[in-house]
ModelCIF file with pLDDT and N, C-alpha, C, O atoms, coordinates in Angstrom:
data_MODEL
#
_entry.id   MODEL 
#
_entity.id                         1 
_entity.type                       polymer 
_entity.pdbx_number_of_molecules   1 
#
_entity_poly.entity_id                      1 
_entity_poly.type                           'polypeptide(L)' 
_entity_poly.nstd_linkage                   no 
_entity_poly.nstd_monomer                   no 
_entity_poly.pdbx_seq_one_letter_code       LVIGDFDCDGATSTALSVLALRAMGARQVDYLVPNRFEYGYGLTPEIV 
_entity_poly.pdbx_seq_one_letter_code_can   LVIGDFDCDGATSTALSVLALRAMGARQVDYLVPNRFEYGYGLTPEIV 
_entity_poly.pdbx_strand_id                 A 
#
loop_
_entity_poly_seq.entity_id 
_entity_poly_seq.num 
_entity_poly_seq.mon_id 
_entity_poly_seq.hetero 
1 1  LEU n 
1 2  VAL n 
1 3  ILE n 
1 4  GLY n 
1 5  ASP n 
1 6  PHE n 
1 7  ASP n 
1 8  CYS n 
1 9  ASP n 
1 10 GLY n 
1 11 ALA n 
1 12 THR n 
1 13 SER n 
1 14 THR n 
1 15 ALA n 
1 16 LEU n 
1 17 SER n 
1 18 VAL n 
1 19 LEU n 
1 20 ALA n 
1 21 LEU n 
1 22 ARG n 
1 23 ALA n 
1 24 MET n 
1 25 GLY n 
1 26 ALA n 
1 27 ARG n 
1 28 GLN n 
1 29 VAL n 
1 30 ASP n 
1 31 TYR n 
1 32 LEU n 
1 33 VAL n 
1 34 PRO n 
1 35 ASN n 
1 36 ARG n 
1 37 PHE n 
1 38 GLU n 
1 39 TYR n 
1 40 GLY n 
1 41 TYR n 
1 42 GLY n 
1 43 LEU n 
1 44 THR n 
1 45 PRO n 
1 46 GLU n 
1 47 ILE n 
1 48 VAL n 
#
_struct_asym.id          A 
_struct_asym.entity_id   1 
#
loop_
_ma_qa_metric.id 
_ma_qa_metric.mode 
_ma_qa_metric.name 
_ma_qa_metric.software_group_id 
_ma_qa_metric.type 
1 global pLDDT . pLDDT 
2 local  pLDDT . pLDDT 
#
_ma_qa_metric_global.metric_id      1 
_ma_qa_metric_global.metric_value   90.71 
_ma_qa_metric_global.model_id       1 
_ma_qa_metric_global.ordinal_id     1 
#
loop_
_ma_qa_metric_local.label_asym_id 
_ma_qa_metric_local.label_comp_id 
_ma_qa_metric_local.label_seq_id 
_ma_qa_metric_local.metric_id 
_ma_qa_metric_local.metric_value 
_ma_qa_metric_local.model_id 
_ma_qa_metric_local.ordinal_id 
A LEU 1  2 98.00 1 1  
A VAL 2  2 98.00 1 2  
A ILE 3  2 96.00 1 3  
A GLY 4  2 93.00 1 4  
A ASP 5  2 88.00 1 5  
A PHE 6  2 83.00 1 6  
A ASP 7  2 90.00 1 7  
A CYS 8  2 93.00 1 8  
A ASP 9  2 95.00 1 9  
A GLY 10 2 94.00 1 10 
A ALA 11 2 96.00 1 11 
A THR 12 2 98.00 1 12 
A SER 13 2 98.00 1 13 
A THR 14 2 97.00 1 14 
A ALA 15 2 98.00 1 15 
A LEU 16 2 98.00 1 16 
A SER 17 2 98.00 1 17 
A VAL 18 2 98.00 1 18 
A LEU 19 2 98.00 1 19 
A ALA 20 2 98.00 1 20 
A LEU 21 2 98.00 1 21 
A ARG 22 2 98.00 1 22 
A ALA 23 2 97.00 1 23 
A MET 24 2 98.00 1 24 
A GLY 25 2 97.00 1 25 
A ALA 26 2 97.00 1 26 
A ARG 27 2 94.00 1 27 
A GLN 28 2 96.00 1 28 
A VAL 29 2 98.00 1 29 
A ASP 30 2 97.00 1 30 
A TYR 31 2 96.00 1 31 
A LEU 32 2 93.00 1 32 
A VAL 33 2 88.00 1 33 
A PRO 34 2 77.00 1 34 
A ASN 35 2 74.00 1 35 
A ARG 36 2 66.00 1 36 
A PHE 37 2 64.00 1 37 
A GLU 38 2 69.00 1 38 
A TYR 39 2 68.00 1 39 
A GLY 40 2 67.00 1 40 
A TYR 41 2 75.00 1 41 
A GLY 42 2 83.00 1 42 
A LEU 43 2 92.00 1 43 
A THR 44 2 92.00 1 44 
A PRO 45 2 94.00 1 45 
A GLU 46 2 92.00 1 46 
A ILE 47 2 93.00 1 47 
A VAL 48 2 96.00 1 48 
#
loop_
_atom_site.group_PDB 
_atom_site.id 
_atom_site.type_symbol 
_atom_site.label_atom_id 
_atom_site.label_alt_id 
_atom_site.label_comp_id 
_atom_site.label_asym_id 
_atom_site.label_entity_id 
_atom_site.label_seq_id 
_atom_site.pdbx_PDB_ins_code 
_atom_site.Cartn_x 
_atom_site.Cartn_y 
_atom_site.Cartn_z 
_atom_site.occupancy 
_atom_site.B_iso_or_equiv 
_atom_site.pdbx_formal_charge 
_atom_site.auth_seq_id 
_atom_site.auth_comp_id 
_atom_site.auth_asym_id 
_atom_site.auth_atom_id 
_atom_site.pdbx_PDB_model_num 
ATOM 1   N N  . LEU A 1 1  ? 2.989  15.187 11.472 1.00 98.00 ? 1  LEU A N  1 
ATOM 2   C CA . LEU A 1 1  ? 4.761  14.512 10.977 1.00 98.00 ? 1  LEU A CA 1 
ATOM 3   C C  . LEU A 1 1  ? 5.007  12.574 11.042 1.00 98.00 ? 1  LEU A C  1 
ATOM 4   O O  . LEU A 1 1  ? 4.061  11.807 11.221 1.00 98.00 ? 1  LEU A O  1 
ATOM 5   N N  . VAL A 1 2  ? 5.430  12.439 10.987 1.00 98.00 ? 2  VAL A N  1 
ATOM 6   C CA . VAL A 1 2  ? 6.116  10.807 10.815 1.00 98.00 ? 2  VAL A CA 1 
ATOM 7   C C  . VAL A 1 2  ? 7.600  10.927 11.718 1.00 98.00 ? 2  VAL A C  1 
ATOM 8   O O  . VAL A 1 2  ? 8.666  11.337 11.259 1.00 98.00 ? 2  VAL A O  1 
ATOM 9   N N  . ILE A 1 3  ? 7.343  10.433 13.183 1.00 96.00 ? 3  ILE A N  1 
ATOM 10  C CA . ILE A 1 3  ? 8.642  9.995  14.185 1.00 96.00 ? 3  ILE A CA 1 
ATOM 11  C C  . ILE A 1 3  ? 8.904  8.402  13.833 1.00 96.00 ? 3  ILE A C  1 
ATOM 12  O O  . ILE A 1 3  ? 8.163  7.475  14.161 1.00 96.00 ? 3  ILE A O  1 
ATOM 13  N N  . GLY A 1 4  ? 10.200 8.302  13.047 1.00 93.00 ? 4  GLY A N  1 
ATOM 14  C CA . GLY A 1 4  ? 10.811 6.949  12.919 1.00 93.00 ? 4  GLY A CA 1 
ATOM 15  C C  . GLY A 1 4  ? 11.440 6.420  13.832 1.00 93.00 ? 4  GLY A C  1 
ATOM 16  O O  . GLY A 1 4  ? 11.456 6.947  14.945 1.00 93.00 ? 4  GLY A O  1 
ATOM 17  N N  . ASP A 1 5  ? 12.167 5.144  13.547 1.00 88.00 ? 5  ASP A N  1 
ATOM 18  C CA . ASP A 1 5  ? 13.084 4.324  14.453 1.00 88.00 ? 5  ASP A CA 1 
ATOM 19  C C  . ASP A 1 5  ? 14.316 4.473  13.626 1.00 88.00 ? 5  ASP A C  1 
ATOM 20  O O  . ASP A 1 5  ? 14.326 4.836  12.449 1.00 88.00 ? 5  ASP A O  1 
ATOM 21  N N  . PHE A 1 6  ? 15.717 4.051  14.599 1.00 83.00 ? 6  PHE A N  1 
ATOM 22  C CA . PHE A 1 6  ? 16.803 4.380  13.580 1.00 83.00 ? 6  PHE A CA 1 
ATOM 23  C C  . PHE A 1 6  ? 17.554 3.501  13.032 1.00 83.00 ? 6  PHE A C  1 
ATOM 24  O O  . PHE A 1 6  ? 18.778 3.486  12.898 1.00 83.00 ? 6  PHE A O  1 
ATOM 25  N N  . ASP A 1 7  ? 16.256 2.294  12.520 1.00 90.00 ? 7  ASP A N  1 
ATOM 26  C CA . ASP A 1 7  ? 17.586 0.972  12.312 1.00 90.00 ? 7  ASP A CA 1 
ATOM 27  C C  . ASP A 1 7  ? 16.620 1.075  11.124 1.00 90.00 ? 7  ASP A C  1 
ATOM 28  O O  . ASP A 1 7  ? 16.062 2.168  11.029 1.00 90.00 ? 7  ASP A O  1 
ATOM 29  N N  . CYS A 1 8  ? 16.240 -0.070 9.976  1.00 93.00 ? 8  CYS A N  1 
ATOM 30  C CA . CYS A 1 8  ? 16.360 -0.765 8.514  1.00 93.00 ? 8  CYS A CA 1 
ATOM 31  C C  . CYS A 1 8  ? 14.969 -0.261 8.389  1.00 93.00 ? 8  CYS A C  1 
ATOM 32  O O  . CYS A 1 8  ? 14.444 0.636  7.730  1.00 93.00 ? 8  CYS A O  1 
ATOM 33  N N  . ASP A 1 9  ? 14.440 -1.377 9.476  1.00 95.00 ? 9  ASP A N  1 
ATOM 34  C CA . ASP A 1 9  ? 12.817 -1.072 9.717  1.00 95.00 ? 9  ASP A CA 1 
ATOM 35  C C  . ASP A 1 9  ? 12.310 0.071  9.789  1.00 95.00 ? 9  ASP A C  1 
ATOM 36  O O  . ASP A 1 9  ? 11.446 0.370  8.964  1.00 95.00 ? 9  ASP A O  1 
ATOM 37  N N  . GLY A 1 10 ? 12.714 1.013  10.798 1.00 94.00 ? 10 GLY A N  1 
ATOM 38  C CA . GLY A 1 10 ? 12.067 1.952  11.179 1.00 94.00 ? 10 GLY A CA 1 
ATOM 39  C C  . GLY A 1 10 ? 12.143 3.060  9.519  1.00 94.00 ? 10 GLY A C  1 
ATOM 40  O O  . GLY A 1 10 ? 11.194 3.578  8.929  1.00 94.00 ? 10 GLY A O  1 
ATOM 41  N N  . ALA A 1 11 ? 13.749 3.108  9.144  1.00 96.00 ? 11 ALA A N  1 
ATOM 42  C CA . ALA A 1 11 ? 13.720 4.059  7.807  1.00 96.00 ? 11 ALA A CA 1 
ATOM 43  C C  . ALA A 1 11 ? 12.764 3.665  6.854  1.00 96.00 ? 11 ALA A C  1 
ATOM 44  O O  . ALA A 1 11 ? 12.135 4.439  6.133  1.00 96.00 ? 11 ALA A O  1 
ATOM 45  N N  . THR A 1 12 ? 12.658 2.249  6.872  1.00 98.00 ? 12 THR A N  1 
ATOM 46  C CA . THR A 1 12 ? 11.423 1.644  5.343  1.00 98.00 ? 12 THR A CA 1 
ATOM 47  C C  . THR A 1 12 ? 10.475 2.810  5.836  1.00 98.00 ? 12 THR A C  1 
ATOM 48  O O  . THR A 1 12 ? 10.245 3.892  5.296  1.00 98.00 ? 12 THR A O  1 
ATOM 49  N N  . SER A 1 13 ? 9.986  2.273  7.031  1.00 98.00 ? 13 SER A N  1 
ATOM 50  C CA . SER A 1 13 ? 8.410  2.526  7.627  1.00 98.00 ? 13 SER A CA 1 
ATOM 51  C C  . SER A 1 13 ? 8.075  3.308  7.484  1.00 98.00 ? 13 SER A C  1 
ATOM 52  O O  . SER A 1 13 ? 6.909  3.390  7.098  1.00 98.00 ? 13 SER A O  1 
ATOM 53  N N  . THR A 1 14 ? 8.604  4.086  7.623  1.00 97.00 ? 14 THR A N  1 
ATOM 54  C CA . THR A 1 14 ? 9.499  6.017  7.602  1.00 97.00 ? 14 THR A CA 1 
ATOM 55  C C  . THR A 1 14 ? 9.391  6.090  6.276  1.00 97.00 ? 14 THR A C  1 
ATOM 56  O O  . THR A 1 14 ? 8.218  5.824  6.012  1.00 97.00 ? 14 THR A O  1 
ATOM 57  N N  . ALA A 1 15 ? 10.124 6.358  5.087  1.00 98.00 ? 15 ALA A N  1 
ATOM 58  C CA . ALA A 1 15 ? 9.619  5.990  3.868  1.00 98.00 ? 15 ALA A CA 1 
ATOM 59  C C  . ALA A 1 15 ? 8.590  5.459  3.638  1.00 98.00 ? 15 ALA A C  1 
ATOM 60  O O  . ALA A 1 15 ? 8.065  6.481  3.196  1.00 98.00 ? 15 ALA A O  1 
ATOM 61  N N  . LEU A 1 16 ? 8.326  5.208  3.608  1.00 98.00 ? 16 LEU A N  1 
ATOM 62  C CA . LEU A 1 16 ? 6.867  3.817  3.311  1.00 98.00 ? 16 LEU A CA 1 
ATOM 63  C C  . LEU A 1 16 ? 5.623  5.192  3.378  1.00 98.00 ? 16 LEU A C  1 
ATOM 64  O O  . LEU A 1 16 ? 5.083  5.759  2.428  1.00 98.00 ? 16 LEU A O  1 
ATOM 65  N N  . SER A 1 17 ? 5.421  5.468  5.081  1.00 98.00 ? 17 SER A N  1 
ATOM 66  C CA . SER A 1 17 ? 4.307  6.895  5.254  1.00 98.00 ? 17 SER A CA 1 
ATOM 67  C C  . SER A 1 17 ? 4.603  7.836  4.558  1.00 98.00 ? 17 SER A C  1 
ATOM 68  O O  . SER A 1 17 ? 3.697  8.130  3.780  1.00 98.00 ? 17 SER A O  1 
ATOM 69  N N  . VAL A 1 18 ? 5.532  8.486  4.483  1.00 98.00 ? 18 VAL A N  1 
ATOM 70  C CA . VAL A 1 18 ? 6.119  9.832  3.713  1.00 98.00 ? 18 VAL A CA 1 
ATOM 71  C C  . VAL A 1 18 ? 5.455  9.627  1.723  1.00 98.00 ? 18 VAL A C  1 
ATOM 72  O O  . VAL A 1 18 ? 4.587  10.303 1.170  1.00 98.00 ? 18 VAL A O  1 
ATOM 73  N N  . LEU A 1 19 ? 6.059  8.781  1.293  1.00 98.00 ? 19 LEU A N  1 
ATOM 74  C CA . LEU A 1 19 ? 5.279  8.825  -0.100 1.00 98.00 ? 19 LEU A CA 1 
ATOM 75  C C  . LEU A 1 19 ? 4.571  8.419  0.123  1.00 98.00 ? 19 LEU A C  1 
ATOM 76  O O  . LEU A 1 19 ? 3.669  8.982  -0.497 1.00 98.00 ? 19 LEU A O  1 
ATOM 77  N N  . ALA A 1 20 ? 3.920  7.160  1.069  1.00 98.00 ? 20 ALA A N  1 
ATOM 78  C CA . ALA A 1 20 ? 1.876  7.103  0.437  1.00 98.00 ? 20 ALA A CA 1 
ATOM 79  C C  . ALA A 1 20 ? 0.803  8.192  0.705  1.00 98.00 ? 20 ALA A C  1 
ATOM 80  O O  . ALA A 1 20 ? -0.286 8.541  0.251  1.00 98.00 ? 20 ALA A O  1 
ATOM 81  N N  . LEU A 1 21 ? 1.983  8.671  2.018  1.00 98.00 ? 21 LEU A N  1 
ATOM 82  C CA . LEU A 1 21 ? 0.720  9.631  2.287  1.00 98.00 ? 21 LEU A CA 1 
ATOM 83  C C  . LEU A 1 21 ? 1.118  11.370 1.267  1.00 98.00 ? 21 LEU A C  1 
ATOM 84  O O  . LEU A 1 21 ? 0.595  12.444 1.566  1.00 98.00 ? 21 LEU A O  1 
ATOM 85  N N  . ARG A 1 22 ? 2.002  11.202 0.251  1.00 98.00 ? 22 ARG A N  1 
ATOM 86  C CA . ARG A 1 22 ? 2.039  12.441 -0.389 1.00 98.00 ? 22 ARG A CA 1 
ATOM 87  C C  . ARG A 1 22 ? 1.630  11.821 -1.638 1.00 98.00 ? 22 ARG A C  1 
ATOM 88  O O  . ARG A 1 22 ? 1.239  12.342 -2.682 1.00 98.00 ? 22 ARG A O  1 
ATOM 89  N N  . ALA A 1 23 ? 1.827  10.391 -1.263 1.00 97.00 ? 23 ALA A N  1 
ATOM 90  C CA . ALA A 1 23 ? 1.052  10.050 -2.752 1.00 97.00 ? 23 ALA A CA 1 
ATOM 91  C C  . ALA A 1 23 ? -0.655 10.106 -2.744 1.00 97.00 ? 23 ALA A C  1 
ATOM 92  O O  . ALA A 1 23 ? -1.153 10.663 -3.722 1.00 97.00 ? 23 ALA A O  1 
ATOM 93  N N  . MET A 1 24 ? -1.612 9.553  -1.680 1.00 98.00 ? 24 MET A N  1 
ATOM 94  C CA . MET A 1 24 ? -3.119 10.076 -1.675 1.00 98.00 ? 24 MET A CA 1 
ATOM 95  C C  . MET A 1 24 ? -3.454 11.572 -1.568 1.00 98.00 ? 24 MET A C  1 
ATOM 96  O O  . MET A 1 24 ? -4.623 11.959 -1.549 1.00 98.00 ? 24 MET A O  1 
ATOM 97  N N  . GLY A 1 25 ? -2.277 12.501 -1.489 1.00 97.00 ? 25 GLY A N  1 
ATOM 98  C CA . GLY A 1 25 ? -2.867 13.750 -1.293 1.00 97.00 ? 25 GLY A CA 1 
ATOM 99  C C  . GLY A 1 25 ? -2.364 14.674 0.109  1.00 97.00 ? 25 GLY A C  1 
ATOM 100 O O  . GLY A 1 25 ? -2.597 15.881 0.164  1.00 97.00 ? 25 GLY A O  1 
ATOM 101 N N  . ALA A 1 26 ? -1.796 14.086 0.990  1.00 97.00 ? 26 ALA A N  1 
ATOM 102 C CA . ALA A 1 26 ? -1.462 14.897 2.420  1.00 97.00 ? 26 ALA A CA 1 
ATOM 103 C C  . ALA A 1 26 ? -0.367 15.817 1.471  1.00 97.00 ? 26 ALA A C  1 
ATOM 104 O O  . ALA A 1 26 ? 0.523  15.592 0.651  1.00 97.00 ? 26 ALA A O  1 
ATOM 105 N N  . ARG A 1 27 ? -0.903 16.790 2.007  1.00 94.00 ? 27 ARG A N  1 
ATOM 106 C CA . ARG A 1 27 ? 0.068  17.852 1.228  1.00 94.00 ? 27 ARG A CA 1 
ATOM 107 C C  . ARG A 1 27 ? 1.470  18.700 1.709  1.00 94.00 ? 27 ARG A C  1 
ATOM 108 O O  . ARG A 1 27 ? 2.426  19.228 1.142  1.00 94.00 ? 27 ARG A O  1 
ATOM 109 N N  . GLN A 1 28 ? 0.852  18.441 3.530  1.00 96.00 ? 28 GLN A N  1 
ATOM 110 C CA . GLN A 1 28 ? 2.141  18.902 4.443  1.00 96.00 ? 28 GLN A CA 1 
ATOM 111 C C  . GLN A 1 28 ? 2.709  17.616 5.625  1.00 96.00 ? 28 GLN A C  1 
ATOM 112 O O  . GLN A 1 28 ? 2.403  17.484 6.810  1.00 96.00 ? 28 GLN A O  1 
ATOM 113 N N  . VAL A 1 29 ? 3.506  16.900 4.882  1.00 98.00 ? 29 VAL A N  1 
ATOM 114 C CA . VAL A 1 29 ? 4.231  15.590 5.534  1.00 98.00 ? 29 VAL A CA 1 
ATOM 115 C C  . VAL A 1 29 ? 5.577  15.176 5.665  1.00 98.00 ? 29 VAL A C  1 
ATOM 116 O O  . VAL A 1 29 ? 6.052  14.860 4.574  1.00 98.00 ? 29 VAL A O  1 
ATOM 117 N N  . ASP A 1 30 ? 6.409  15.060 6.677  1.00 97.00 ? 30 ASP A N  1 
ATOM 118 C CA . ASP A 1 30 ? 7.530  15.296 7.319  1.00 97.00 ? 30 ASP A CA 1 
ATOM 119 C C  . ASP A 1 30 ? 7.583  14.141 7.778  1.00 97.00 ? 30 ASP A C  1 
ATOM 120 O O  . ASP A 1 30 ? 6.664  13.323 7.826  1.00 97.00 ? 30 ASP A O  1 
ATOM 121 N N  . TYR A 1 31 ? 9.203  13.968 8.315  1.00 96.00 ? 31 TYR A N  1 
ATOM 122 C CA . TYR A 1 31 ? 9.731  12.937 9.052  1.00 96.00 ? 31 TYR A CA 1 
ATOM 123 C C  . TYR A 1 31 ? 10.725 13.707 10.071 1.00 96.00 ? 31 TYR A C  1 
ATOM 124 O O  . TYR A 1 31 ? 11.206 14.826 9.892  1.00 96.00 ? 31 TYR A O  1 
ATOM 125 N N  . LEU A 1 32 ? 11.012 12.458 11.691 1.00 93.00 ? 32 LEU A N  1 
ATOM 126 C CA . LEU A 1 32 ? 11.905 12.874 11.986 1.00 93.00 ? 32 LEU A CA 1 
ATOM 127 C C  . LEU A 1 32 ? 11.941 11.802 12.592 1.00 93.00 ? 32 LEU A C  1 
ATOM 128 O O  . LEU A 1 32 ? 10.957 11.134 12.911 1.00 93.00 ? 32 LEU A O  1 
ATOM 129 N N  . VAL A 1 33 ? 13.870 11.371 12.947 1.00 88.00 ? 33 VAL A N  1 
ATOM 130 C CA . VAL A 1 33 ? 14.297 10.247 13.639 1.00 88.00 ? 33 VAL A CA 1 
ATOM 131 C C  . VAL A 1 33 ? 14.922 10.332 14.043 1.00 88.00 ? 33 VAL A C  1 
ATOM 132 O O  . VAL A 1 33 ? 15.929 10.633 13.402 1.00 88.00 ? 33 VAL A O  1 
ATOM 133 N N  . PRO A 1 34 ? 15.044 10.176 15.476 1.00 77.00 ? 34 PRO A N  1 
ATOM 134 C CA . PRO A 1 34 ? 15.675 10.764 16.514 1.00 77.00 ? 34 PRO A CA 1 
ATOM 135 C C  . PRO A 1 34 ? 16.985 9.998  16.505 1.00 77.00 ? 34 PRO A C  1 
ATOM 136 O O  . PRO A 1 34 ? 17.120 8.804  16.237 1.00 77.00 ? 34 PRO A O  1 
ATOM 137 N N  . ASN A 1 35 ? 18.025 10.958 16.873 1.00 74.00 ? 35 ASN A N  1 
ATOM 138 C CA . ASN A 1 35 ? 19.862 10.750 16.746 1.00 74.00 ? 35 ASN A CA 1 
ATOM 139 C C  . ASN A 1 35 ? 19.987 9.783  17.981 1.00 74.00 ? 35 ASN A C  1 
ATOM 140 O O  . ASN A 1 35 ? 19.728 10.191 19.113 1.00 74.00 ? 35 ASN A O  1 
ATOM 141 N N  . ARG A 1 36 ? 20.528 8.052  17.654 1.00 66.00 ? 36 ARG A N  1 
ATOM 142 C CA . ARG A 1 36 ? 19.943 7.511  19.004 1.00 66.00 ? 36 ARG A CA 1 
ATOM 143 C C  . ARG A 1 36 ? 21.144 7.954  19.984 1.00 66.00 ? 36 ARG A C  1 
ATOM 144 O O  . ARG A 1 36 ? 21.143 7.180  20.940 1.00 66.00 ? 36 ARG A O  1 
ATOM 145 N N  . PHE A 1 37 ? 22.324 9.059  20.117 1.00 64.00 ? 37 PHE A N  1 
ATOM 146 C CA . PHE A 1 37 ? 22.818 9.104  20.540 1.00 64.00 ? 37 PHE A CA 1 
ATOM 147 C C  . PHE A 1 37 ? 22.522 10.528 21.230 1.00 64.00 ? 37 PHE A C  1 
ATOM 148 O O  . PHE A 1 37 ? 23.015 10.708 22.344 1.00 64.00 ? 37 PHE A O  1 
ATOM 149 N N  . GLU A 1 38 ? 21.788 11.505 20.678 1.00 69.00 ? 38 GLU A N  1 
ATOM 150 C CA . GLU A 1 38 ? 21.468 11.846 21.564 1.00 69.00 ? 38 GLU A CA 1 
ATOM 151 C C  . GLU A 1 38 ? 20.069 12.303 22.900 1.00 69.00 ? 38 GLU A C  1 
ATOM 152 O O  . GLU A 1 38 ? 19.965 13.106 23.827 1.00 69.00 ? 38 GLU A O  1 
ATOM 153 N N  . TYR A 1 39 ? 19.140 11.138 22.207 1.00 68.00 ? 39 TYR A N  1 
ATOM 154 C CA . TYR A 1 39 ? 17.871 11.086 22.203 1.00 68.00 ? 39 TYR A CA 1 
ATOM 155 C C  . TYR A 1 39 ? 17.023 10.077 22.932 1.00 68.00 ? 39 TYR A C  1 
ATOM 156 O O  . TYR A 1 39 ? 16.060 10.087 23.698 1.00 68.00 ? 39 TYR A O  1 
ATOM 157 N N  . GLY A 1 40 ? 18.068 8.922  22.162 1.00 67.00 ? 40 GLY A N  1 
ATOM 158 C CA . GLY A 1 40 ? 17.937 7.436  22.899 1.00 67.00 ? 40 GLY A CA 1 
ATOM 159 C C  . GLY A 1 40 ? 16.796 7.300  21.833 1.00 67.00 ? 40 GLY A C  1 
ATOM 160 O O  . GLY A 1 40 ? 16.503 7.985  20.853 1.00 67.00 ? 40 GLY A O  1 
ATOM 161 N N  . TYR A 1 41 ? 16.206 6.055  22.438 1.00 75.00 ? 41 TYR A N  1 
ATOM 162 C CA . TYR A 1 41 ? 14.740 5.114  21.440 1.00 75.00 ? 41 TYR A CA 1 
ATOM 163 C C  . TYR A 1 41 ? 13.113 5.726  22.326 1.00 75.00 ? 41 TYR A C  1 
ATOM 164 O O  . TYR A 1 41 ? 12.649 5.812  23.463 1.00 75.00 ? 41 TYR A O  1 
ATOM 165 N N  . GLY A 1 42 ? 12.661 6.094  20.587 1.00 83.00 ? 42 GLY A N  1 
ATOM 166 C CA . GLY A 1 42 ? 11.038 5.582  20.948 1.00 83.00 ? 42 GLY A CA 1 
ATOM 167 C C  . GLY A 1 42 ? 11.221 7.224  20.825 1.00 83.00 ? 42 GLY A C  1 
ATOM 168 O O  . GLY A 1 42 ? 12.354 7.629  20.564 1.00 83.00 ? 42 GLY A O  1 
ATOM 169 N N  . LEU A 1 43 ? 9.868  8.446  21.048 1.00 92.00 ? 43 LEU A N  1 
ATOM 170 C CA . LEU A 1 43 ? 9.179  9.169  21.203 1.00 92.00 ? 43 LEU A CA 1 
ATOM 171 C C  . LEU A 1 43 ? 9.051  9.533  22.471 1.00 92.00 ? 43 LEU A C  1 
ATOM 172 O O  . LEU A 1 43 ? 8.148  9.319  23.279 1.00 92.00 ? 43 LEU A O  1 
ATOM 173 N N  . THR A 1 44 ? 10.067 10.114 22.557 1.00 92.00 ? 44 THR A N  1 
ATOM 174 C CA . THR A 1 44 ? 10.919 10.842 24.481 1.00 92.00 ? 44 THR A CA 1 
ATOM 175 C C  . THR A 1 44 ? 10.569 12.044 24.712 1.00 92.00 ? 44 THR A C  1 
ATOM 176 O O  . THR A 1 44 ? 10.508 12.929 23.858 1.00 92.00 ? 44 THR A O  1 
ATOM 177 N N  . PRO A 1 45 ? 10.336 12.149 25.778 1.00 94.00 ? 45 PRO A N  1 
ATOM 178 C CA . PRO A 1 45 ? 9.701  14.024 26.103 1.00 94.00 ? 45 PRO A CA 1 
ATOM 179 C C  . PRO A 1 45 ? 10.716 14.915 24.922 1.00 94.00 ? 45 PRO A C  1 
ATOM 180 O O  . PRO A 1 45 ? 10.422 15.571 23.922 1.00 94.00 ? 45 PRO A O  1 
ATOM 181 N N  . GLU A 1 46 ? 11.947 14.597 25.545 1.00 92.00 ? 46 GLU A N  1 
ATOM 182 C CA . GLU A 1 46 ? 12.663 15.374 24.038 1.00 92.00 ? 46 GLU A CA 1 
ATOM 183 C C  . GLU A 1 46 ? 13.043 15.776 22.945 1.00 92.00 ? 46 GLU A C  1 
ATOM 184 O O  . GLU A 1 46 ? 13.802 16.673 22.576 1.00 92.00 ? 46 GLU A O  1 
ATOM 185 N N  . ILE A 1 47 ? 12.135 14.639 22.207 1.00 93.00 ? 47 ILE A N  1 
ATOM 186 C CA . ILE A 1 47 ? 12.202 14.294 20.960 1.00 93.00 ? 47 ILE A CA 1 
ATOM 187 C C  . ILE A 1 47 ? 10.583 15.531 20.392 1.00 93.00 ? 47 ILE A C  1 
ATOM 188 O O  . ILE A 1 47 ? 10.246 16.261 19.460 1.00 93.00 ? 47 ILE A O  1 
ATOM 189 N N  . VAL A 1 48 ? 10.040 14.998 21.832 1.00 96.00 ? 48 VAL A N  1 
ATOM 190 C CA . VAL A 1 48 ? 8.170  15.710 21.691 1.00 96.00 ? 48 VAL A CA 1 
ATOM 191 C C  . VAL A 1 48 ? 8.978  17.052 21.102 1.00 96.00 ? 48 VAL A C  1 
ATOM 192 O O  . VAL A 1 48 ? 8.346  18.050 20.756 1.00 96.00 ? 48 VAL A O  1 
#
């Protein structure tokens, strides 16, 4: 599970991770980006 940030750097980082990992043969790859209004920034306990 890739957990990104809610800006352009975070979006491109997340897309790159998902695309490249799948291209390398990872079969179970998903992503989650916190909604800034509900969870705030970063890997918070609520996001976990």
